Amino acid sequence: MHSGSGVRHAIVTTAALVGLLASLTVLSGCDGAHHAGAGDGADSRSAGHPAPDHTRVPGIGDRLLRRIPAGSRQVLAVYGEGRDSADSTAVLYTRHGTSWQRVRGWPAHNGKKGWTTDHHEDDNRSPVGVFTLTDAGGVLPDPGARLPYTRSAAFAAPRWWARSHWHDFDYVIAIDYNRVAGRPPNDPARPQGQEKGGGIWLHMDHGSGTSACVSLSKPAMEYLLRTLDPDSRPVVVMGDRAHLKD
């Protein structure tokens, strides 16, 4: 009787150990899957997901990728949510060797009517394309910009604009669309003619769409001003996601 009791005890103990080991295996699998998904992507490849191609700026197709100057090591990609949407996301990438690495991203706004590949004055759409970033300025003192910075009260938004827009141009970075690079952002020259629009900048956000510019928060603008480096030949690649993938 004592011997039978011992056997039953051994069987119960063995079953409990098997159950415990199975439980630990399941827990380890969940944890491993979690870390693999956030890590080097080896498990995601086995699940049918390709590894990221770090030799390309994410979401940018060959047509626009070819327009990024060979010497550029800083790209600000502005991903519009839709052709007719004013909502977008701006992400800064830097190139190290042949690899593009994400630095930081921010919510942003673009033209209140969305995007266009044929921008004209007052169409309230931002132009799709690749544009150099060479000059900066604003109403506020230079926050430590690497790009040439012009401080002037002439940047101030007109006071007949809505109060929410009064600080739009406290900081600006000129997008080199229909302008002469190397001049202050508010230089009026428009080499392609007035009808093609101009004065398109990165500037401070007021919470909604713009006339054609791209707007970001004050901390984002300060970060970009202190980070974009002329020696890295920074460019902005901007447009709605569908056009960017072309």
Protein backbone atom coordinates (compact mmCIF):
# COMPACT_ATOMS: atom_id res chain seq x y z
CA MET A 1 0.00 0.00 0.00
CA HIS A 2 2.84 2.33 0.88
CA SER A 3 4.63 1.33 -2.35
CA GLY A 4 1.54 2.13 -4.47
CA SER A 5 1.20 5.49 -2.84
CA GLY A 6 4.80 6.28 -3.72
CA VAL A 7 4.27 5.38 -7.36
CA ARG A 8 1.17 7.56 -7.56
CA HIS A 9 3.11 10.42 -5.96
CA ALA A 10 5.93 10.05 -8.51
CA ILE A 11 3.44 10.06 -11.39
CA VAL A 12 1.72 13.21 -10.11
CA THR A 13 5.06 14.95 -9.56
CA THR A 14 6.25 14.06 -13.08
CA ALA A 15 3.02 15.34 -14.65
CA ALA A 16 3.31 18.60 -12.74
CA LEU A 17 6.89 19.10 -13.96
CA VAL A 18 5.86 18.43 -17.57
CA GLY A 19 3.03 20.98 -17.27
CA LEU A 20 5.38 23.56 -15.76
CA LEU A 21 7.95 23.09 -18.52
CA ALA A 22 5.25 23.44 -21.18
CA SER A 23 4.04 26.64 -19.55
CA LEU A 24 7.57 28.08 -19.44
CA THR A 25 8.08 27.18 -23.11
CA VAL A 26 4.95 29.12 -24.11
CA LEU A 27 6.01 32.16 -22.08
CA SER A 28 9.51 32.06 -23.57
CA GLY A 29 8.04 31.88 -27.09
CA CYS A 30 5.90 34.99 -26.57
CA ASP A 31 8.85 36.92 -25.16
CA GLY A 32 11.13 35.76 -27.94
CA ALA A 33 8.62 36.72 -30.62
CA HIS A 34 8.25 40.17 -29.03
CA HIS A 35 11.98 40.86 -29.03
CA ALA A 36 12.50 39.48 -32.53
CA GLY A 37 9.80 41.79 -33.86
CA ALA A 38 11.57 44.79 -32.36
CA GLY A 39 15.06 43.60 -33.22
CA ASP A 40 16.97 42.50 -36.30
CA GLY A 41 13.96 41.08 -38.20
CA ALA A 42 15.26 37.51 -38.52
CA ASP A 43 11.96 36.00 -37.35
CA SER A 44 9.92 38.41 -39.47
CA ARG A 45 11.74 37.13 -42.56
CA SER A 46 10.82 33.56 -41.68
CA ALA A 47 7.21 34.72 -41.33
CA GLY A 48 7.24 36.06 -44.89
CA HIS A 49 8.14 39.72 -44.18
CA PRO A 50 11.20 41.05 -46.07
CA ALA A 51 14.02 42.67 -44.12
CA PRO A 52 14.11 46.49 -44.33
CA ASP A 53 16.31 47.86 -47.11
CA HIS A 54 18.41 50.47 -45.34
CA THR A 55 20.04 51.55 -48.61
CA ARG A 56 16.79 53.37 -49.45
CA VAL A 57 14.79 56.08 -47.74
CA PRO A 58 11.60 54.27 -46.64
CA GLY A 59 8.52 54.91 -48.77
CA ILE A 60 10.45 56.72 -51.54
CA GLY A 61 10.29 55.21 -55.03
CA ASP A 62 12.97 55.17 -57.69
CA ARG A 63 11.76 58.29 -59.49
CA LEU A 64 12.30 60.60 -56.52
CA LEU A 65 15.18 58.59 -55.07
CA ARG A 66 17.20 59.33 -58.21
CA ARG A 67 16.67 63.07 -57.63
CA ILE A 68 18.34 63.05 -54.22
CA PRO A 69 21.85 64.46 -54.83
CA ALA A 70 24.59 61.87 -54.52
CA GLY A 71 26.30 63.88 -51.79
CA SER A 72 23.22 64.32 -49.61
CA ARG A 73 23.52 62.76 -46.17
CA GLN A 74 20.39 64.31 -44.63
CA VAL A 75 16.86 63.78 -45.96
CA LEU A 76 13.71 65.16 -44.39
CA ALA A 77 10.90 62.98 -45.78
CA VAL A 78 7.41 64.50 -45.53
CA TYR A 79 4.80 61.76 -45.95
CA GLY A 80 1.38 63.20 -46.80
CA GLU A 81 -1.58 61.12 -45.66
CA GLY A 82 -3.42 61.60 -48.94
CA ARG A 83 -3.50 63.62 -52.14
CA ASP A 84 -6.20 65.90 -50.74
CA SER A 85 -5.19 65.77 -47.08
CA ALA A 86 -3.45 68.48 -45.05
CA ASP A 87 -2.07 65.96 -42.56
CA SER A 88 1.44 64.57 -42.86
CA THR A 89 4.40 63.16 -40.97
CA ALA A 90 7.96 64.48 -41.25
CA VAL A 91 10.88 62.12 -40.62
CA LEU A 92 14.58 63.01 -40.63
CA TYR A 93 17.00 60.41 -42.00
CA THR A 94 20.79 60.53 -42.11
CA ARG A 95 23.06 58.46 -44.32
CA HIS A 96 25.98 56.54 -42.88
CA GLY A 97 27.92 54.89 -45.67
CA THR A 98 25.22 53.29 -47.80
CA SER A 99 22.69 53.03 -44.97
CA TRP A 100 19.88 55.49 -44.25
CA GLN A 101 18.99 55.67 -40.56
CA ARG A 102 15.90 57.22 -39.02
CA VAL A 103 16.76 60.03 -36.59
CA ARG A 104 13.44 61.51 -35.47
CA GLY A 105 9.89 62.11 -36.66
CA TRP A 106 7.11 64.62 -36.01
CA PRO A 107 3.46 65.29 -36.94
CA ALA A 108 3.20 67.97 -39.62
CA HIS A 109 0.79 69.81 -41.90
CA ASN A 110 1.00 70.63 -45.60
CA GLY A 111 -1.19 72.55 -48.04
CA LYS A 112 -4.80 72.73 -46.87
CA LYS A 113 -5.97 71.13 -50.15
CA GLY A 114 -3.22 68.52 -50.20
CA TRP A 115 -0.50 67.93 -52.81
CA THR A 116 0.19 68.58 -56.49
CA THR A 117 2.83 67.74 -59.08
CA ASP A 118 2.06 71.04 -60.86
CA HIS A 119 1.97 73.73 -58.19
CA HIS A 120 0.62 77.18 -59.04
CA GLU A 121 0.18 80.35 -57.03
CA ASP A 122 -2.75 80.18 -54.59
CA ASP A 123 -3.75 76.58 -55.33
CA ASN A 124 -3.36 75.76 -51.61
CA ARG A 125 -1.47 72.56 -52.44
CA SER A 126 2.12 71.70 -51.57
CA PRO A 127 4.44 70.71 -54.43
CA VAL A 128 5.55 67.09 -54.69
CA GLY A 129 9.27 66.67 -55.21
CA VAL A 130 12.85 66.77 -53.97
CA PHE A 131 14.13 70.19 -52.94
CA THR A 132 17.34 71.37 -51.36
CA LEU A 133 17.35 73.13 -47.97
CA THR A 134 19.95 75.90 -47.96
CA ASP A 135 18.69 78.92 -46.01
CA ALA A 136 16.84 79.73 -42.80
CA GLY A 137 15.58 82.69 -40.83
CA GLY A 138 12.72 84.05 -38.81
CA VAL A 139 11.46 86.61 -36.34
CA LEU A 140 13.20 84.98 -33.36
CA PRO A 141 16.93 85.04 -32.64
CA ASP A 142 19.09 82.35 -34.23
CA PRO A 143 18.65 79.21 -32.05
CA GLY A 144 22.01 77.82 -33.17
CA ALA A 145 21.19 77.05 -36.80
CA ARG A 146 23.82 75.46 -39.02
CA LEU A 147 22.17 76.77 -42.17
CA PRO A 148 22.71 80.50 -42.82
CA TYR A 149 20.12 82.26 -40.62
CA THR A 150 18.58 85.67 -41.30
CA ARG A 151 16.73 87.26 -38.40
CA SER A 152 14.29 89.98 -39.42
CA ALA A 153 10.97 91.48 -38.31
CA ALA A 154 10.06 91.34 -42.00
CA PHE A 155 9.25 87.65 -41.53
CA ALA A 156 6.39 88.45 -39.13
CA ALA A 157 2.95 87.29 -40.23
CA PRO A 158 0.52 90.15 -40.94
CA ARG A 159 -1.56 91.06 -37.90
CA TRP A 160 -4.71 90.95 -39.99
CA TRP A 161 -4.22 87.18 -40.14
CA ALA A 162 -5.92 85.06 -37.48
CA ARG A 163 -4.08 85.28 -34.16
CA SER A 164 -3.33 81.54 -34.34
CA HIS A 165 -1.08 82.30 -37.35
CA TRP A 166 0.91 85.18 -35.86
CA HIS A 167 3.89 83.01 -34.90
CA ASP A 168 4.01 80.90 -38.07
CA PHE A 169 7.27 82.50 -39.21
CA ASP A 170 9.11 82.77 -35.92
CA TYR A 171 11.38 80.10 -37.45
CA VAL A 172 11.51 79.21 -41.15
CA ILE A 173 13.63 77.04 -43.42
CA ALA A 174 13.31 77.80 -47.11
CA ILE A 175 12.31 74.94 -49.39
CA ASP A 176 14.18 75.60 -52.63
CA TYR A 177 11.15 75.56 -54.89
CA ASN A 178 11.12 78.42 -57.45
CA ARG A 179 13.66 80.49 -55.51
CA VAL A 180 17.33 81.37 -55.63
CA ALA A 181 19.28 79.23 -53.18
CA GLY A 182 21.77 81.08 -51.04
CA ARG A 183 19.50 84.06 -50.43
CA PRO A 184 17.34 84.74 -47.32
CA PRO A 185 14.06 82.76 -47.30
CA ASN A 186 11.97 85.90 -47.90
CA ASP A 187 13.89 86.90 -51.03
CA PRO A 188 11.16 87.57 -53.64
CA ALA A 189 12.94 86.22 -56.76
CA ARG A 190 10.98 83.50 -58.58
CA PRO A 191 13.03 82.14 -61.49
CA GLN A 192 10.14 80.10 -62.96
CA GLY A 193 7.74 83.05 -62.84
CA GLN A 194 5.18 84.34 -60.38
CA GLU A 195 2.44 81.98 -61.54
CA LYS A 196 4.44 78.94 -60.34
CA GLY A 197 4.23 80.15 -56.76
CA GLY A 198 7.01 80.48 -54.23
CA GLY A 199 7.81 81.38 -50.67
CA ILE A 200 7.36 77.73 -49.66
CA TRP A 201 8.95 77.03 -46.30
CA LEU A 202 9.18 74.72 -43.37
CA HIS A 203 7.69 76.84 -40.60
CA MET A 204 5.90 76.78 -37.25
CA ASP A 205 2.63 74.91 -37.04
CA HIS A 206 -0.71 76.54 -36.22
CA GLY A 207 -2.67 73.30 -36.02
CA SER A 208 -4.11 73.03 -39.54
CA GLY A 209 -3.25 73.13 -43.24
CA THR A 210 -1.10 75.80 -44.89
CA SER A 211 -1.13 77.71 -48.17
CA ALA A 212 1.57 75.40 -49.57
CA CYS A 213 4.25 75.18 -46.87
CA VAL A 214 5.05 72.36 -44.45
CA SER A 215 4.54 73.25 -40.79
CA LEU A 216 5.95 71.62 -37.67
CA SER A 217 6.00 72.29 -33.94
CA LYS A 218 8.44 74.78 -32.43
CA PRO A 219 10.60 72.01 -30.86
CA ALA A 220 10.76 70.26 -34.24
CA MET A 221 11.82 73.45 -36.01
CA GLU A 222 14.47 74.16 -33.38
CA TYR A 223 15.79 70.62 -33.74
CA LEU A 224 15.97 70.86 -37.53
CA LEU A 225 17.64 74.27 -37.42
CA ARG A 226 20.33 72.92 -35.10
CA THR A 227 20.76 69.67 -37.04
CA LEU A 228 20.50 70.37 -40.78
CA ASP A 229 24.08 70.91 -41.89
CA PRO A 230 25.12 72.52 -45.20
CA ASP A 231 28.05 70.09 -45.38
CA SER A 232 25.51 67.23 -45.46
CA ARG A 233 23.60 68.83 -48.37
CA PRO A 234 20.16 68.43 -46.76
CA VAL A 235 17.07 67.97 -48.91
CA VAL A 236 13.35 67.56 -48.32
CA VAL A 237 11.48 64.81 -50.17
CA MET A 238 7.80 65.64 -49.90
CA GLY A 239 4.44 64.52 -51.21
CA ASP A 240 1.49 62.27 -50.54
CA ARG A 241 2.46 58.66 -49.89
CA ALA A 242 1.16 57.42 -53.25
CA HIS A 243 3.26 59.91 -55.23
CA LEU A 244 6.30 59.31 -53.07
CA LYS A 245 6.23 55.58 -53.89
CA ASP A 246 6.20 56.15 -57.68
